[in-house]
Each structure stands twice: as structure tokens, then as C-alpha cells.
Protein backbone atom coordinates (compact mmCIF):
# COMPACT_ATOMS: atom_id res chain seq x y z
CA MET A 1 98.88 30.75 -24.06
CA SER A 2 98.56 34.37 -24.39
CA SER A 3 94.76 33.51 -26.00
CA LEU A 4 93.24 31.46 -23.28
CA LEU A 5 94.72 33.62 -20.85
CA ASN A 6 93.01 36.69 -22.73
CA LYS A 7 89.82 34.54 -23.05
CA GLU A 8 90.33 33.59 -18.70
CA LEU A 9 90.77 37.25 -18.09
CA GLY A 10 87.83 38.40 -19.93
CA ILE A 11 85.44 35.48 -18.04
CA ALA A 12 86.67 37.22 -14.87
CA ALA A 13 85.84 40.60 -15.88
CA GLY A 14 82.24 39.79 -17.48
CA ILE A 15 81.65 38.00 -13.50
CA ALA A 16 82.68 40.84 -11.91
CA VAL A 17 80.48 43.40 -13.73
CA THR A 18 77.39 41.10 -13.73
CA SER A 19 78.13 40.79 -9.56
CA PHE A 20 78.58 44.76 -9.11
CA VAL A 21 75.32 45.25 -11.07
CA ALA A 22 73.31 42.95 -9.41
CA GLY A 23 74.64 44.35 -6.32
CA ASN A 24 73.69 47.49 -6.78
CA LEU A 25 69.97 46.30 -8.29
CA ALA A 26 69.57 44.89 -4.95
CA ALA A 27 70.75 47.88 -2.80
CA ARG A 28 68.44 49.92 -4.91
CA TYR A 29 65.54 47.22 -4.34
CA MET A 30 66.10 47.27 -0.74
CA SER A 31 66.24 50.77 -0.41
CA ALA A 32 62.68 51.05 -2.29
CA THR A 33 61.75 48.77 -0.21
CA PRO A 34 59.26 50.06 2.52
CA THR A 35 60.18 48.80 5.83
CA PRO A 36 57.36 47.26 7.55
CA PRO A 37 55.67 48.80 10.15
CA LYS A 38 55.56 48.46 13.54
CA GLU A 39 52.74 46.58 15.63
CA GLN A 40 50.95 49.39 16.50
CA PRO A 41 48.32 49.05 19.72
CA SER A 42 44.60 48.50 18.69
CA ALA A 43 42.33 51.31 18.55
CA LYS A 44 41.17 50.00 21.81
CA GLN A 45 43.68 50.39 23.86
CA ASP A 46 44.82 53.78 21.78
CA ASN A 47 41.94 54.99 22.78
CA LEU A 48 41.82 53.96 26.26
CA LYS A 49 45.29 55.80 26.70
CA LYS A 50 43.84 59.08 25.64
CA SER A 51 40.77 58.68 27.86
CA ARG A 52 43.25 58.52 30.64
CA THR A 53 44.92 61.08 29.88
CA ALA A 54 42.25 63.98 28.53
CA ASP A 55 40.41 62.68 31.86
CA GLU A 56 43.65 63.94 33.98
CA TYR A 57 44.11 66.80 31.82
CA VAL A 58 40.52 68.12 32.44
CA GLU A 59 40.92 67.65 35.99
CA GLU A 60 44.06 69.21 36.18
CA ASN A 61 42.97 72.58 34.30
CA SER A 62 39.57 72.69 35.57
CA LEU A 63 38.57 71.28 38.68
CA ARG A 64 38.24 73.62 41.47
CA GLU A 65 36.84 71.64 44.37
CA PRO A 66 35.75 73.25 47.17
CA ALA A 67 38.12 72.04 50.64
CA VAL A 68 35.24 70.60 52.63
CA LEU A 69 34.02 68.59 49.33
CA LYS A 70 37.50 67.30 48.14
CA GLU A 71 38.07 66.04 52.53
CA LEU A 72 34.73 63.89 52.05
CA ARG A 73 36.33 62.50 48.62
CA GLU A 74 39.08 61.60 50.05
CA TYR A 75 37.78 60.76 53.30
CA THR A 76 35.76 58.30 51.71
CA PHE A 77 38.15 56.27 49.25
CA LYS A 78 40.10 55.54 52.89
CA ASN A 79 37.74 54.42 54.91
CA VAL A 80 34.44 53.44 53.60
CA PRO A 81 33.81 50.19 51.37
CA MET A 82 32.93 50.75 47.70
CA ALA A 83 34.20 54.17 47.40
CA LYS A 84 34.19 53.41 43.55
CA MET A 85 30.26 54.73 44.17
CA VAL A 86 31.58 58.39 44.72
CA SER A 87 30.97 60.53 41.85
CA ASP A 88 33.03 61.93 39.52
CA PRO A 89 34.84 65.23 40.68
CA CYS A 90 34.49 67.43 37.39
CA GLN A 91 31.24 65.68 36.65
CA ILE A 92 29.38 66.95 40.10
CA GLN A 93 31.35 70.46 39.37
CA PHE A 94 29.31 70.54 35.62
CA PHE A 95 26.05 69.76 38.03
CA ARG A 96 27.20 73.13 40.30
CA LEU A 97 27.46 75.07 36.66
CA LEU A 98 24.01 73.28 36.31
CA LEU A 99 22.52 74.47 39.23
CA ASN A 100 23.55 78.00 39.35
CA MET A 101 22.20 78.34 35.68
CA LEU A 102 18.65 77.13 36.63
CA ASP A 103 19.00 79.28 39.88
CA ALA A 104 18.02 75.42 41.67
CA LYS A 105 16.53 75.81 45.10
CA LYS A 106 15.04 72.91 45.26
CA CYS A 107 16.80 69.26 44.82
CA ILE A 108 16.69 65.37 45.11
CA GLU A 109 19.14 62.82 44.94
CA VAL A 110 18.71 59.21 44.48
CA GLY A 111 21.47 57.42 45.99
CA THR A 112 23.34 59.79 48.64
CA TYR A 113 26.33 57.19 49.42
CA THR A 114 28.81 59.05 51.88
CA GLY A 115 27.09 62.55 50.49
CA TYR A 116 29.68 63.85 47.87
CA ASN A 117 27.10 65.29 45.44
CA VAL A 118 24.38 66.11 48.62
CA LEU A 119 27.24 68.47 50.09
CA SER A 120 28.12 70.06 46.69
CA THR A 121 24.43 70.90 45.90
CA ALA A 122 24.02 71.98 49.61
CA LEU A 123 27.01 74.15 49.00
CA THR A 124 25.83 75.64 45.86
CA ILE A 125 22.00 76.27 46.69
CA PRO A 126 21.04 79.68 48.69
CA SER A 127 20.57 79.58 51.93
CA ASP A 128 16.79 78.84 51.69
CA GLY A 129 17.19 75.87 49.40
CA VAL A 130 16.90 72.52 50.13
CA ILE A 131 18.13 68.83 48.71
CA TYR A 132 16.65 65.83 49.74
CA ALA A 133 18.88 62.59 50.10
CA LEU A 134 17.61 59.37 49.30
CA ASP A 135 19.43 56.51 50.28
CA ILE A 136 18.33 52.61 51.32
CA ASN A 137 22.15 52.26 53.49
CA GLU A 138 22.21 54.88 56.22
CA ASP A 139 24.98 53.65 57.22
CA TYR A 140 27.08 54.96 54.37
CA VAL A 141 25.16 58.64 54.82
CA LYS A 142 26.27 59.15 58.33
CA GLU A 143 29.96 59.06 57.04
CA GLY A 144 28.82 62.48 55.61
CA TYR A 145 27.59 64.24 58.42
CA PRO A 146 30.63 65.44 60.18
CA PHE A 147 31.54 67.17 56.70
CA PHE A 148 27.73 68.89 56.22
CA GLU A 149 28.53 70.04 60.03
CA LYS A 150 31.58 71.42 58.76
CA ALA A 151 30.66 73.11 55.57
CA GLY A 152 27.75 74.99 57.47
CA VAL A 153 25.16 73.27 55.22
CA LYS A 154 23.24 70.71 57.40
CA ASP A 155 20.18 72.81 57.62
CA LYS A 156 19.68 72.58 53.64
CA ILE A 157 20.05 68.67 54.01
CA VAL A 158 17.12 65.85 54.34
CA VAL A 159 18.03 62.59 54.65
CA LYS A 160 15.40 60.06 54.22
CA ILE A 161 16.11 56.09 54.30
CA GLY A 162 14.30 53.37 52.72
CA PRO A 163 13.14 52.81 49.11
CA ALA A 164 13.87 55.79 46.94
CA VAL A 165 10.36 54.89 45.26
CA GLU A 166 8.39 55.07 48.38
CA SER A 167 10.55 58.58 49.05
CA LEU A 168 9.41 59.68 45.83
CA ASP A 169 5.83 58.75 46.05
CA GLU A 170 5.52 60.18 49.45
CA LEU A 171 6.66 63.99 47.93
CA ILE A 172 4.32 63.41 45.13
CA SER A 173 1.70 62.73 47.94
CA LYS A 174 2.48 65.48 49.58
CA GLY A 175 1.67 68.04 46.51
CA GLU A 176 5.14 68.44 46.09
CA THR A 177 5.14 68.02 41.98
CA GLU A 178 6.38 70.03 39.74
CA THR A 179 8.66 72.45 42.15
CA PHE A 180 11.80 70.51 41.89
CA ASP A 181 14.63 72.11 39.93
CA PHE A 182 17.33 69.57 39.73
CA ILE A 183 16.86 65.45 40.17
CA TYR A 184 19.77 63.23 40.24
CA VAL A 185 19.51 59.56 39.86
CA ASP A 186 22.90 57.48 40.88
CA ALA A 187 21.52 54.29 42.41
CA ASP A 188 20.22 51.05 41.51
CA LYS A 189 19.97 50.87 37.70
CA ILE A 190 16.98 48.01 37.11
CA SER A 191 14.99 50.75 38.76
CA TYR A 192 15.94 53.78 37.13
CA GLU A 193 12.72 53.79 34.66
CA LYS A 194 10.70 53.75 37.77
CA TYR A 195 12.60 57.21 39.04
CA LEU A 196 12.19 58.54 35.76
CA ASP A 197 8.14 58.07 36.10
CA ARG A 198 8.30 60.19 39.58
CA ALA A 199 10.66 62.74 38.94
CA ILE A 200 9.11 64.00 35.76
CA LEU A 201 5.87 64.77 37.83
CA LEU A 202 8.07 66.50 40.43
CA LEU A 203 10.56 68.92 38.27
CA LYS A 204 8.90 71.88 37.16
CA SER A 205 8.95 72.76 33.90
CA GLY A 206 12.76 73.75 32.59
CA GLY A 207 14.05 71.41 35.76
CA ILE A 208 16.73 68.80 34.94
CA LEU A 209 16.75 64.99 35.95
CA ALA A 210 20.33 63.50 35.33
CA PHE A 211 20.90 60.26 35.15
CA ASP A 212 24.26 58.60 35.58
CA ASN A 213 26.41 55.30 34.75
CA MET A 214 24.59 55.46 31.37
CA LEU A 215 27.18 53.66 29.70
CA GLN A 216 27.93 51.21 32.50
CA GLY A 217 31.54 51.12 31.70
CA GLY A 218 31.52 50.33 28.08
CA LEU A 219 28.89 47.55 28.47
CA VAL A 220 26.16 48.54 26.98
CA LEU A 221 27.95 49.35 23.78
CA ASP A 222 28.52 45.35 23.12
CA LEU A 223 26.11 43.02 24.75
CA THR A 224 27.42 40.29 23.62
CA GLN A 225 30.77 41.02 25.51
CA GLU A 226 31.60 38.71 28.35
CA MET A 227 29.97 39.83 31.69
CA THR A 228 28.59 38.73 34.94
CA PRO A 229 25.20 37.93 35.37
CA GLU A 230 24.66 40.69 37.41
CA GLN A 231 26.20 43.22 35.00
CA ARG A 232 24.13 41.82 32.23
CA HIS A 233 20.80 42.45 33.90
CA SER A 234 21.95 45.99 34.31
CA ALA A 235 23.72 46.45 30.68
CA GLU A 236 20.36 44.84 28.96
CA PHE A 237 18.16 47.09 30.98
CA LEU A 238 20.20 50.61 30.18
CA TYR A 239 20.41 49.73 27.00
CA LYS A 240 16.66 49.48 26.34
CA LEU A 241 16.32 52.92 28.77
CA ASN A 242 18.60 55.09 26.59
CA GLN A 243 16.65 53.70 23.53
CA LYS A 244 13.33 55.01 25.00
CA LEU A 245 14.77 58.30 26.47
CA LYS A 246 15.82 59.21 22.76
CA LEU A 247 12.43 58.72 22.03
CA ASP A 248 10.63 60.50 24.91
CA ASN A 249 9.28 63.90 23.87
CA ARG A 250 8.89 65.29 27.53
CA PHE A 251 11.99 66.89 27.41
CA GLN A 252 15.06 68.00 25.84
CA LEU A 253 17.95 65.36 25.94
CA SER A 254 22.30 65.14 26.28
CA PHE A 255 23.22 62.30 26.54
CA LEU A 256 27.15 63.38 27.83
CA ASN A 257 30.63 61.07 27.19
CA ILE A 258 31.97 62.31 30.78
CA ALA A 259 33.07 60.28 33.69
CA ASP A 260 30.54 56.83 32.92
CA GLY A 261 27.85 58.45 30.96
CA VAL A 262 25.56 61.21 32.49
CA THR A 263 22.00 61.81 30.67
CA LEU A 264 20.40 65.17 30.94
CA CYS A 265 16.49 65.16 30.61
CA ARG A 266 15.45 68.84 30.94
CA LYS A 267 11.30 68.58 30.96
CA LEU A 268 9.71 70.74 29.03
């Protein structure tokens, strides 16, 4: 009986030791095995989050918007349809910097809407300066008139209502070629090339042509993505224009990833 008992105790001890060793090995394996990483947001989601944060940070730490200009922007968003057409305030502040660097006196805007950039330009250029505000819809432009008056710059602003191509051709026919310092185009995208052909004639050497919305909300990055027929028409046109501008040696080029994409063309 004693021999049998000893045998049974030995077997039990062996089982206990084996279980202890197995348990330790399992614990070591579990601690050595990395925990699967938590699912991360896609690169697109992450970039969009960073972009929004960066835009807010830039505006908070750089925007110096004249009071009357801010009033016009806020009034437009509260009272005028399609207020998203107002240009980005930091972008327009950058334009004011360009205007000062150019010592600009004579400017054109194609696509005025309620006149946010027109007012900004008029506030920046000297007392004998002028900006031609071209638009097809005077109802929108009229919304800005009280603000032009309040800012004391209405005499610097010449509003021309009608197709912008015709207004530009009129300036050319009147001998205004090579006299303009700055031209800003923020209008119907499929006419951008027509505006380019005329702007290059109207600008003086060293003058700057600025095109807005050259990224089309990111649509030009991938023409296979889903979009409306109207969006596709504009995106495909600007996609080709971006390629053309890169190869156009009549000016220096800078395509800036600010707001919805701004392309600056400095006439040589």
C-alpha cells in the first residue's frame, strides 16, 4: 500500500509541475505577443481632420480683417443665397499683401458676387487706384454697395454687369492692354481659359493673374470619383487647364494649396 501511495503521489506531483510550467509558458507567450493595434482612421479622414484644424489655427493666428470687410462677409452669410461663393478671408488677406508688394493701382475681378474681394482691394490700393468689378448678376453685387459707401471707397470701384469676356474685350479695345497690376478670376470655371487669354493682354509685365477654386473641392485629384454632371464638366476642364498652365512659359507659376486651390501667374 505504501508503494502504491508513493507512486500515486509522484504522479500527482508530476501533473502539478507540468501544469505550473505550462501556465508560466502561456503567460510569457501572452505577454510577449503584441496586442493587435486599434483600428486607425483612414489617411483621408486624418488629413481632413488636420486640414480643418490647421485652417482654424491659421485664421486664429493671422487674420487681420478690416471691420467693414468682416461686416460684409458676415452680412453675406446671413442674408445672401450661395454665400459659399465668398472668398476665403485668409486668402484675401494674402492678396492684400500681394497688392502692397506690387504697389498695385489698377485691378480687375472677374466674378464679384457681393464684393468681398473688391472691397478688400479698394481698401488696399491708393486713392487714385481703381478696381473693375465684373459680374453677370447685379442683384448680388448691389448687396455690397452700402459697404463700399461705408468704407469710403466706392469711387475706386467700377462695376460692369454682363458677360465678363465682353467686358474684358471692351477694356482691350479701349487701349487698356498692359496697364493692369492684378487680376483675380473667381467665376464660371469653363470660361477660365478665355479669361486667361484676355488677362495676359491686359496685365503689365510683372502683373499677377490669380485663379480661384483650382482644386474644385478635391475633384480634380481623381476624375473617377462620383460627382454630378455639372461638377464633372468643371473638374475635367480645370484638370486640363492645370496641366496647360504648368507648360505656359508666358508667366511664372505657383499653385498654392490654400482654400480651394489658388494659382498665381506672374506675367514675364
